């Protein structure tokens, strides 16, 4: 099996993996780190929209990924280190022992994603999502319910942050998406393409359970706390989920799952 042993945490060949937590915050110039067996398997699969650049494994994890290693292109190096060296490279105890360096895909223009919209298409629009757990959850739900694409406005966090990828169980790596413009711009693009935009908000008078899609739909979710701006809600059809016990809203990832299940439950499985 082709592997490269790393005995020095300062080895220049694994510089892209060094000090992971700090680099998560500053970026990696078009690259990202994926963590854990499930996510790395997605990255290396044909379903991935991203290209693997390198693997870094703990010695004890090599056997479990032997099939992945064998299928990788010869140009993708597979580095192997002892647990102590691996922890020093990462900057913290890396119990999973499986890392990969990947290349972010180029996000297409919104117009490209909306070039040929079908009646059964469902999209997700995220506005102001700054929590990486929630971002990963939204992508996981979008993939699970067959959303055609996820659209992020310019105020959202990076979905390729390591934790967002992990929470999404790799959905970020395989889901069509784009980033750009304001929330209002994304709504306008959707409506121009004939897609009805639903704004998920506690202030809605129309219950999600009473809504029936009549064509392509985009579900728009906002950040927890402030939610979607009123100017955006007013441009969409507002729908909500009634709460009990004094609660006014659900976690944004949970809300997206409920809404996706509702609008796709009567449609053919993708």
C-alpha atoms as a PDB file:
ATOM      1  CA  UNK A   1       0.000   0.000   0.000  1.00  0.00           C
ATOM      2  CA  UNK A   2       1.394   3.396  -0.990  1.00  0.00           C
ATOM      3  CA  UNK A   3       1.799   5.552   2.103  1.00  0.00           C
ATOM      4  CA  UNK A   4       4.355   8.151   3.195  1.00  0.00           C
ATOM      5  CA  UNK A   5       5.527   8.083   6.808  1.00  0.00           C
ATOM      6  CA  UNK A   6       5.674  11.399   8.666  1.00  0.00           C
ATOM      7  CA  UNK A   7       7.830  11.518  11.796  1.00  0.00           C
ATOM      8  CA  UNK A   8       8.293  15.283  12.117  1.00  0.00           C
ATOM      9  CA  UNK A   9       5.222  17.491  12.781  1.00  0.00           C
ATOM     10  CA  UNK A  10       7.070  20.344  11.059  1.00  0.00           C
ATOM     11  CA  UNK A  11       7.507  18.378   7.834  1.00  0.00           C
ATOM     12  CA  UNK A  12       6.721  20.817   5.011  1.00  0.00           C
ATOM     13  CA  UNK A  13       4.774  18.175   3.107  1.00  0.00           C
ATOM     14  CA  UNK A  14       1.915  18.260   5.630  1.00  0.00           C
ATOM     15  CA  UNK A  15       1.856  22.042   6.159  1.00  0.00           C
ATOM     16  CA  UNK A  16      -1.745  22.217   4.930  1.00  0.00           C
ATOM     17  CA  UNK A  17      -2.856  20.151   7.933  1.00  0.00           C
ATOM     18  CA  UNK A  18      -0.921  22.082  10.571  1.00  0.00           C
ATOM     19  CA  UNK A  19      -2.691  23.996  13.386  1.00  0.00           C
ATOM     20  CA  UNK A  20      -6.137  23.066  12.129  1.00  0.00           C
ATOM     21  CA  UNK A  21      -8.233  25.137  14.516  1.00  0.00           C
ATOM     22  CA  UNK A  22      -6.383  28.365  13.819  1.00  0.00           C
ATOM     23  CA  UNK A  23      -6.398  27.760  10.077  1.00  0.00           C
ATOM     24  CA  UNK A  24     -10.143  27.103  10.193  1.00  0.00           C
ATOM     25  CA  UNK A  25     -10.542  30.757  11.110  1.00  0.00           C
ATOM     26  CA  UNK A  26      -8.115  32.249   8.602  1.00  0.00           C
ATOM     27  CA  UNK A  27      -8.809  30.055   5.585  1.00  0.00           C
ATOM     28  CA  UNK A  28      -6.612  27.887   3.389  1.00  0.00           C
ATOM     29  CA  UNK A  29      -6.643  29.682   0.028  1.00  0.00           C
ATOM     30  CA  UNK A  30      -9.247  27.560  -1.700  1.00  0.00           C
ATOM     31  CA  UNK A  31      -8.575  24.386   0.288  1.00  0.00           C
ATOM     32  CA  UNK A  32     -10.354  22.813   3.257  1.00  0.00           C
ATOM     33  CA  UNK A  33      -9.779  20.066   5.809  1.00  0.00           C
ATOM     34  CA  UNK A  34     -12.222  17.157   6.061  1.00  0.00           C
ATOM     35  CA  UNK A  35     -12.263  15.037   9.226  1.00  0.00           C
ATOM     36  CA  UNK A  36     -13.518  11.540   9.994  1.00  0.00           C
ATOM     37  CA  UNK A  37     -14.039   8.359   7.997  1.00  0.00           C
ATOM     38  CA  UNK A  38     -17.546   9.085   6.724  1.00  0.00           C
ATOM     39  CA  UNK A  39     -16.638  12.547   5.429  1.00  0.00           C
ATOM     40  CA  UNK A  40     -13.351  11.460   3.880  1.00  0.00           C
ATOM     41  CA  UNK A  41     -15.121   8.620   2.082  1.00  0.00           C
ATOM     42  CA  UNK A  42     -17.560  11.155   0.603  1.00  0.00           C
ATOM     43  CA  UNK A  43     -14.673  13.385  -0.489  1.00  0.00           C
ATOM     44  CA  UNK A  44     -12.980  10.468  -2.242  1.00  0.00           C
ATOM     45  CA  UNK A  45     -16.197   9.226  -3.884  1.00  0.00           C
ATOM     46  CA  UNK A  46     -17.524   9.955  -7.363  1.00  0.00           C
ATOM     47  CA  UNK A  47     -20.412  11.871  -5.764  1.00  0.00           C
ATOM     48  CA  UNK A  48     -18.056  14.549  -4.452  1.00  0.00           C
ATOM     49  CA  UNK A  49     -17.885  17.908  -6.202  1.00  0.00           C
ATOM     50  CA  UNK A  50     -14.484  18.492  -4.574  1.00  0.00           C
ATOM     51  CA  UNK A  51     -11.058  17.112  -5.430  1.00  0.00           C
ATOM     52  CA  UNK A  52      -8.976  15.445  -2.708  1.00  0.00           C
ATOM     53  CA  UNK A  53      -5.444  16.810  -2.479  1.00  0.00           C
ATOM     54  CA  UNK A  54      -3.916  14.709   0.318  1.00  0.00           C
ATOM     55  CA  UNK A  55      -4.756  12.362   3.201  1.00  0.00           C
ATOM     56  CA  UNK A  56      -3.201  12.348   6.667  1.00  0.00           C
ATOM     57  CA  UNK A  57      -3.959   9.286   8.756  1.00  0.00           C
ATOM     58  CA  UNK A  58      -3.058   7.857  12.116  1.00  0.00           C
ATOM     59  CA  UNK A  59      -1.226   4.566  11.737  1.00  0.00           C
ATOM     60  CA  UNK A  60      -4.126   2.679  13.326  1.00  0.00           C
ATOM     61  CA  UNK A  61      -6.601   4.040  10.725  1.00  0.00           C
ATOM     62  CA  UNK A  62      -4.798   2.971   7.570  1.00  0.00           C
ATOM     63  CA  UNK A  63      -6.324  -0.502   7.312  1.00  0.00           C
ATOM     64  CA  UNK A  64      -9.897   0.804   7.610  1.00  0.00           C
ATOM     65  CA  UNK A  65      -9.324   3.109   4.625  1.00  0.00           C
ATOM     66  CA  UNK A  66      -7.354   0.704   2.460  1.00  0.00           C
ATOM     67  CA  UNK A  67     -10.073   0.698  -0.226  1.00  0.00           C
ATOM     68  CA  UNK A  68     -10.160   4.495  -0.328  1.00  0.00           C
ATOM     69  CA  UNK A  69      -6.384   4.687  -0.593  1.00  0.00           C
ATOM     70  CA  UNK A  70      -6.337   2.142  -3.414  1.00  0.00           C
ATOM     71  CA  UNK A  71      -8.924   4.123  -5.407  1.00  0.00           C
ATOM     72  CA  UNK A  72      -7.207   7.508  -5.071  1.00  0.00           C
ATOM     73  CA  UNK A  73      -5.365   8.983  -8.022  1.00  0.00           C
ATOM     74  CA  UNK A  74      -1.600   8.369  -7.831  1.00  0.00           C
ATOM     75  CA  UNK A  75      -1.078  12.134  -7.546  1.00  0.00           C
ATOM     76  CA  UNK A  76      -2.853  12.242  -4.151  1.00  0.00           C
ATOM     77  CA  UNK A  77      -0.313  11.566  -1.378  1.00  0.00           C
ATOM     78  CA  UNK A  78      -1.321   9.537   1.675  1.00  0.00           C
ATOM     79  CA  UNK A  79       0.652  10.555   4.746  1.00  0.00           C
ATOM     80  CA  UNK A  80       0.737   8.369   7.856  1.00  0.00           C
ATOM     81  CA  UNK A  81       1.877   9.412  11.328  1.00  0.00           C
ATOM     82  CA  UNK A  82       1.881   8.050  14.852  1.00  0.00           C
ATOM     83  CA  UNK A  83      -0.823   9.438  17.130  1.00  0.00           C
ATOM     84  CA  UNK A  84       1.574  11.697  19.051  1.00  0.00           C
ATOM     85  CA  UNK A  85       2.949  13.256  15.871  1.00  0.00           C
ATOM     86  CA  UNK A  86      -0.561  13.590  14.418  1.00  0.00           C
ATOM     87  CA  UNK A  87      -1.793  15.443  17.511  1.00  0.00           C
ATOM     88  CA  UNK A  88       1.139  17.846  17.284  1.00  0.00           C
ATOM     89  CA  UNK A  89       0.401  18.506  13.614  1.00  0.00           C
ATOM     90  CA  UNK A  90      -3.272  19.215  14.269  1.00  0.00           C
ATOM     91  CA  UNK A  91      -2.620  21.231  17.417  1.00  0.00           C
ATOM     92  CA  UNK A  92      -5.038  19.205  19.557  1.00  0.00           C
ATOM     93  CA  UNK A  93      -5.775  15.518  20.293  1.00  0.00           C
ATOM     94  CA  UNK A  94      -7.171  14.147  17.058  1.00  0.00           C
ATOM     95  CA  UNK A  95      -9.042  11.054  18.220  1.00  0.00           C
ATOM     96  CA  UNK A  96     -10.625  10.320  14.848  1.00  0.00           C
ATOM     97  CA  UNK A  97      -7.177  10.050  13.267  1.00  0.00           C
ATOM     98  CA  UNK A  98      -8.452  10.654   9.725  1.00  0.00           C
ATOM     99  CA  UNK A  99      -7.928  13.919   7.850  1.00  0.00           C
ATOM    100  CA  UNK A 100      -8.025  14.939   4.209  1.00  0.00           C
ATOM    101  CA  UNK A 101      -7.117  18.113   2.409  1.00  0.00           C
ATOM    102  CA  UNK A 102      -9.590  19.002  -0.331  1.00  0.00           C
ATOM    103  CA  UNK A 103     -10.032  21.618  -3.002  1.00  0.00           C
ATOM    104  CA  UNK A 104     -13.166  23.758  -2.889  1.00  0.00           C
ATOM    105  CA  UNK A 105     -15.315  23.658  -6.017  1.00  0.00           C
ATOM    106  CA  UNK A 106     -15.997  26.829  -7.967  1.00  0.00           C
ATOM    107  CA  UNK A 107     -19.486  28.045  -7.038  1.00  0.00           C
ATOM    108  CA  UNK A 108     -21.489  28.700 -10.213  1.00  0.00           C
ATOM    109  CA  UNK A 109     -23.495  31.889 -10.732  1.00  0.00           C
ATOM    110  CA  UNK A 110     -27.068  31.831  -9.434  1.00  0.00           C
ATOM    111  CA  UNK A 111     -28.317  32.104 -13.007  1.00  0.00           C
ATOM    112  CA  UNK A 112     -26.548  28.860 -13.889  1.00  0.00           C
ATOM    113  CA  UNK A 113     -28.358  26.947 -11.127  1.00  0.00           C
ATOM    114  CA  UNK A 114     -31.677  28.386 -12.281  1.00  0.00           C
ATOM    115  CA  UNK A 115     -31.168  27.896 -16.011  1.00  0.00           C
ATOM    116  CA  UNK A 116     -33.680  25.029 -16.285  1.00  0.00           C
ATOM    117  CA  UNK A 117     -36.057  24.842 -13.335  1.00  0.00           C
ATOM    118  CA  UNK A 118     -38.531  21.940 -13.163  1.00  0.00           C
ATOM    119  CA  UNK A 119     -41.891  21.947 -11.371  1.00  0.00           C
ATOM    120  CA  UNK A 120     -40.698  19.464  -8.734  1.00  0.00           C
ATOM    121  CA  UNK A 121     -37.505  21.366  -7.878  1.00  0.00           C
ATOM    122  CA  UNK A 122     -36.910  22.470  -4.296  1.00  0.00           C
ATOM    123  CA  UNK A 123     -34.180  24.915  -3.305  1.00  0.00           C
ATOM    124  CA  UNK A 124     -32.896  26.118   0.055  1.00  0.00           C
ATOM    125  CA  UNK A 125     -31.835  29.733   0.605  1.00  0.00           C
ATOM    126  CA  UNK A 126     -29.835  30.549   3.729  1.00  0.00           C
ATOM    127  CA  UNK A 127     -29.499  34.130   4.925  1.00  0.00           C
ATOM    128  CA  UNK A 128     -27.206  35.249   7.724  1.00  0.00           C
ATOM    129  CA  UNK A 129     -26.384  31.740   8.986  1.00  0.00           C
ATOM    130  CA  UNK A 130     -23.237  32.257  11.052  1.00  0.00           C
ATOM    131  CA  UNK A 131     -23.247  29.089  13.153  1.00  0.00           C
ATOM    132  CA  UNK A 132     -21.263  26.264  11.529  1.00  0.00           C
ATOM    133  CA  UNK A 133     -23.336  23.535  13.184  1.00  0.00           C
ATOM    134  CA  UNK A 134     -26.483  25.030  11.702  1.00  0.00           C
ATOM    135  CA  UNK A 135     -24.847  25.448   8.307  1.00  0.00           C
ATOM    136  CA  UNK A 136     -23.850  21.786   8.297  1.00  0.00           C
ATOM    137  CA  UNK A 137     -27.346  20.785   9.388  1.00  0.00           C
ATOM    138  CA  UNK A 138     -28.978  22.788   6.589  1.00  0.00           C
ATOM    139  CA  UNK A 139     -26.765  21.114   3.977  1.00  0.00           C
ATOM    140  CA  UNK A 140     -27.419  17.666   5.451  1.00  0.00           C
ATOM    141  CA  UNK A 141     -31.170  18.235   5.328  1.00  0.00           C
ATOM    142  CA  UNK A 142     -31.041  19.641   1.802  1.00  0.00           C
ATOM    143  CA  UNK A 143     -29.204  16.552   0.587  1.00  0.00           C
ATOM    144  CA  UNK A 144     -31.426  14.138   2.525  1.00  0.00           C
ATOM    145  CA  UNK A 145     -34.634  15.543   1.029  1.00  0.00           C
ATOM    146  CA  UNK A 146     -33.290  15.971  -2.488  1.00  0.00           C
ATOM    147  CA  UNK A 147     -33.077  19.759  -2.720  1.00  0.00           C
ATOM    148  CA  UNK A 148     -31.663  20.788  -6.070  1.00  0.00           C
ATOM    149  CA  UNK A 149     -29.249  23.340  -4.592  1.00  0.00           C
ATOM    150  CA  UNK A 150     -28.412  25.462  -1.565  1.00  0.00           C
ATOM    151  CA  UNK A 151     -27.997  29.188  -2.068  1.00  0.00           C
ATOM    152  CA  UNK A 152     -26.138  31.258   0.521  1.00  0.00           C
ATOM    153  CA  UNK A 153     -26.274  35.014   0.782  1.00  0.00           C
ATOM    154  CA  UNK A 154     -23.154  37.079   1.327  1.00  0.00           C
ATOM    155  CA  UNK A 155     -23.629  37.176   5.125  1.00  0.00           C
ATOM    156  CA  UNK A 156     -23.449  33.388   5.649  1.00  0.00           C
ATOM    157  CA  UNK A 157     -20.442  31.603   7.128  1.00  0.00           C
ATOM    158  CA  UNK A 158     -18.220  29.350   5.034  1.00  0.00           C
ATOM    159  CA  UNK A 159     -19.843  25.907   4.570  1.00  0.00           C
ATOM    160  CA  UNK A 160     -16.343  24.451   4.103  1.00  0.00           C
ATOM    161  CA  UNK A 161     -15.361  25.141   7.682  1.00  0.00           C
ATOM    162  CA  UNK A 162     -14.259  21.770   9.106  1.00  0.00           C
ATOM    163  CA  UNK A 163     -17.091  21.547  11.642  1.00  0.00           C
ATOM    164  CA  UNK A 164     -19.770  22.444   9.089  1.00  0.00           C
ATOM    165  CA  UNK A 165     -18.539  19.674   6.807  1.00  0.00           C
ATOM    166  CA  UNK A 166     -18.483  17.189   9.692  1.00  0.00           C
ATOM    167  CA  UNK A 167     -22.013  18.057  10.886  1.00  0.00           C
ATOM    168  CA  UNK A 168     -23.280  17.743   7.317  1.00  0.00           C
ATOM    169  CA  UNK A 169     -21.755  14.209   7.178  1.00  0.00           C
ATOM    170  CA  UNK A 170     -20.153  15.236   3.910  1.00  0.00           C
ATOM    171  CA  UNK A 171     -23.257  16.746   2.279  1.00  0.00           C
ATOM    172  CA  UNK A 172     -21.392  20.042   1.808  1.00  0.00           C
ATOM    173  CA  UNK A 173     -18.931  18.204  -0.448  1.00  0.00           C
ATOM    174  CA  UNK A 174     -21.572  16.769  -2.765  1.00  0.00           C
ATOM    175  CA  UNK A 175     -24.377  19.342  -2.852  1.00  0.00           C
ATOM    176  CA  UNK A 176     -24.778  21.936  -5.610  1.00  0.00           C
ATOM    177  CA  UNK A 177     -24.533  25.391  -4.058  1.00  0.00           C
ATOM    178  CA  UNK A 178     -23.663  28.979  -4.750  1.00  0.00           C
ATOM    179  CA  UNK A 179     -22.738  32.038  -2.717  1.00  0.00           C
ATOM    180  CA  UNK A 180     -23.310  35.634  -3.551  1.00  0.00           C
ATOM    181  CA  UNK A 181     -25.366  38.738  -3.337  1.00  0.00           C
ATOM    182  CA  UNK A 182     -27.857  39.820  -0.743  1.00  0.00           C
ATOM    183  CA  UNK A 183     -30.881  37.905   0.421  1.00  0.00           C
ATOM    184  CA  UNK A 184     -33.015  40.235  -1.668  1.00  0.00           C
ATOM    185  CA  UNK A 185     -30.909  39.443  -4.743  1.00  0.00           C
ATOM    186  CA  UNK A 186     -31.403  35.700  -4.260  1.00  0.00           C
ATOM    187  CA  UNK A 187     -35.158  36.100  -3.808  1.00  0.00           C
ATOM    188  CA  UNK A 188     -35.368  38.207  -6.966  1.00  0.00           C
ATOM    189  CA  UNK A 189     -33.385  35.641  -8.971  1.00  0.00           C
ATOM    190  CA  UNK A 190     -35.651  32.842  -7.775  1.00  0.00           C
ATOM    191  CA  UNK A 191     -38.827  34.718  -8.582  1.00  0.00           C
ATOM    192  CA  UNK A 192     -37.535  35.671 -12.028  1.00  0.00           C
ATOM    193  CA  UNK A 193     -36.967  31.958 -12.676  1.00  0.00           C
ATOM    194  CA  UNK A 194     -40.562  31.199 -11.654  1.00  0.00           C
ATOM    195  CA  UNK A 195     -39.720  29.756  -8.241  1.00  0.00           C
ATOM    196  CA  UNK A 196     -42.000  30.575  -5.321  1.00  0.00           C
ATOM    197  CA  UNK A 197     -39.999  31.621  -2.266  1.00  0.00           C
ATOM    198  CA  UNK A 198     -41.275  30.691   1.183  1.00  0.00           C
ATOM    199  CA  UNK A 199     -39.881  32.717   4.081  1.00  0.00           C
ATOM    200  CA  UNK A 200     -39.827  30.570   7.222  1.00  0.00           C
ATOM    201  CA  UNK A 201     -40.704  32.928  10.053  1.00  0.00           C
ATOM    202  CA  UNK A 202     -42.546  32.804  13.410  1.00  0.00           C
ATOM    203  CA  UNK A 203     -44.483  35.935  12.374  1.00  0.00           C
ATOM    204  CA  UNK A 204     -46.305  34.110   9.553  1.00  0.00           C
ATOM    205  CA  UNK A 205     -50.044  33.627   9.645  1.00  0.00           C
ATOM    206  CA  UNK A 206     -49.959  30.760   7.115  1.00  0.00           C
ATOM    207  CA  UNK A 207     -49.022  27.469   8.754  1.00  0.00           C
ATOM    208  CA  UNK A 208     -46.456  25.310   6.993  1.00  0.00           C
ATOM    209  CA  UNK A 209     -48.822  22.343   7.398  1.00  0.00           C
ATOM    210  CA  UNK A 210     -51.483  24.181   5.339  1.00  0.00           C
ATOM    211  CA  UNK A 211     -49.190  25.120   2.449  1.00  0.00           C
ATOM    212  CA  UNK A 212     -49.315  23.084  -0.765  1.00  0.00           C
ATOM    213  CA  UNK A 213     -46.640  23.650  -3.418  1.00  0.00           C
ATOM    214  CA  UNK A 214     -47.885  24.321  -6.938  1.00  0.00           C
ATOM    215  CA  UNK A 215     -44.519  24.282  -8.694  1.00  0.00           C
ATOM    216  CA  UNK A 216     -40.848  24.871  -7.911  1.00  0.00           C
ATOM    217  CA  UNK A 217     -40.250  26.158  -4.375  1.00  0.00           C
ATOM    218  CA  UNK A 218     -37.392  27.766  -2.471  1.00  0.00           C
ATOM    219  CA  UNK A 219     -37.338  27.566   1.321  1.00  0.00           C
ATOM    220  CA  UNK A 220     -35.648  30.553   2.903  1.00  0.00           C
ATOM    221  CA  UNK A 221     -34.255  30.367   6.439  1.00  0.00           C
ATOM    222  CA  UNK A 222     -32.500  33.017   8.497  1.00  0.00           C
ATOM    223  CA  UNK A 223     -30.272  33.226  11.518  1.00  0.00           C
ATOM    224  CA  UNK A 224     -31.575  32.295  14.945  1.00  0.00           C
ATOM    225  CA  UNK A 225     -32.498  35.342  16.980  1.00  0.00           C
ATOM    226  CA  UNK A 226     -33.030  38.100  14.406  1.00  0.00           C
ATOM    227  CA  UNK A 227     -34.387  35.761  11.740  1.00  0.00           C
ATOM    228  CA  UNK A 228     -35.084  37.026   8.239  1.00  0.00           C
ATOM    229  CA  UNK A 229     -35.253  40.788   7.632  1.00  0.00           C
ATOM    230  CA  UNK A 230     -38.764  42.161   7.262  1.00  0.00           C
ATOM    231  CA  UNK A 231     -37.934  43.550   3.813  1.00  0.00           C
ATOM    232  CA  UNK A 232     -37.143  39.988   2.687  1.00  0.00           C
ATOM    233  CA  UNK A 233     -40.204  38.422   4.319  1.00  0.00           C
ATOM    234  CA  UNK A 234     -42.445  40.965   2.604  1.00  0.00           C
ATOM    235  CA  UNK A 235     -41.160  39.858  -0.808  1.00  0.00           C
ATOM    236  CA  UNK A 236     -41.940  36.173  -0.159  1.00  0.00           C
ATOM    237  CA  UNK A 237     -44.803  34.001   1.031  1.00  0.00           C
ATOM    238  CA  UNK A 238     -44.378  33.818   4.790  1.00  0.00           C
ATOM    239  CA  UNK A 239     -45.025  30.433   6.412  1.00  0.00           C
ATOM    240  CA  UNK A 240     -44.470  29.284   9.968  1.00  0.00           C
ATOM    241  CA  UNK A 241     -44.663  26.422  12.429  1.00  0.00           C
ATOM    242  CA  UNK A 242     -46.908  27.179  15.439  1.00  0.00           C
ATOM    243  CA  UNK A 243     -45.137  26.863  18.789  1.00  0.00           C
ATOM    244  CA  UNK A 244     -46.389  25.862  22.232  1.00  0.00           C
ATOM    245  CA  UNK A 245     -45.136  26.618  25.714  1.00  0.00           C
ATOM    246  CA  UNK A 246     -44.042  30.167  24.987  1.00  0.00           C
ATOM    247  CA  UNK A 247     -41.426  29.264  22.390  1.00  0.00           C
ATOM    248  CA  UNK A 248     -41.304  31.483  19.332  1.00  0.00           C
ATOM    249  CA  UNK A 249     -39.110  29.459  16.985  1.00  0.00           C
ATOM    250  CA  UNK A 250     -37.137  26.288  16.307  1.00  0.00           C
ATOM    251  CA  UNK A 251     -33.483  25.743  15.602  1.00  0.00           C
ATOM    252  CA  UNK A 252     -32.881  26.765  11.978  1.00  0.00           C
ATOM    253  CA  UNK A 253     -31.625  23.319  10.966  1.00  0.00           C
ATOM    254  CA  UNK A 254     -34.699  21.672  12.494  1.00  0.00           C
ATOM    255  CA  UNK A 255     -36.951  24.165  10.734  1.00  0.00           C
ATOM    256  CA  UNK A 256     -35.330  23.446   7.380  1.00  0.00           C
ATOM    257  CA  UNK A 257     -35.849  19.698   7.898  1.00  0.00           C
ATOM    258  CA  UNK A 258     -39.544  20.126   8.711  1.00  0.00           C
ATOM    259  CA  UNK A 259     -40.112  22.402   5.738  1.00  0.00           C
ATOM    260  CA  UNK A 260     -38.190  20.191   3.322  1.00  0.00           C
ATOM    261  CA  UNK A 261     -40.100  17.115   4.452  1.00  0.00           C
ATOM    262  CA  UNK A 262     -43.402  18.924   4.014  1.00  0.00           C
ATOM    263  CA  UNK A 263     -42.811  20.267   0.508  1.00  0.00           C
ATOM    264  CA  UNK A 264     -41.221  17.054  -0.811  1.00  0.00           C
ATOM    265  CA  UNK A 265     -43.453  14.450   0.832  1.00  0.00           C
ATOM    266  CA  UNK A 266     -45.909  14.371  -2.064  1.00  0.00           C
ATOM    267  CA  UNK A 267     -43.271  14.331  -4.767  1.00  0.00           C
ATOM    268  CA  UNK A 268     -41.440  11.416  -6.422  1.00  0.00           C
ATOM    269  CA  UNK A 269     -38.258  10.339  -4.625  1.00  0.00           C
ATOM    270  CA  UNK A 270     -35.129  11.715  -6.282  1.00  0.00           C
END
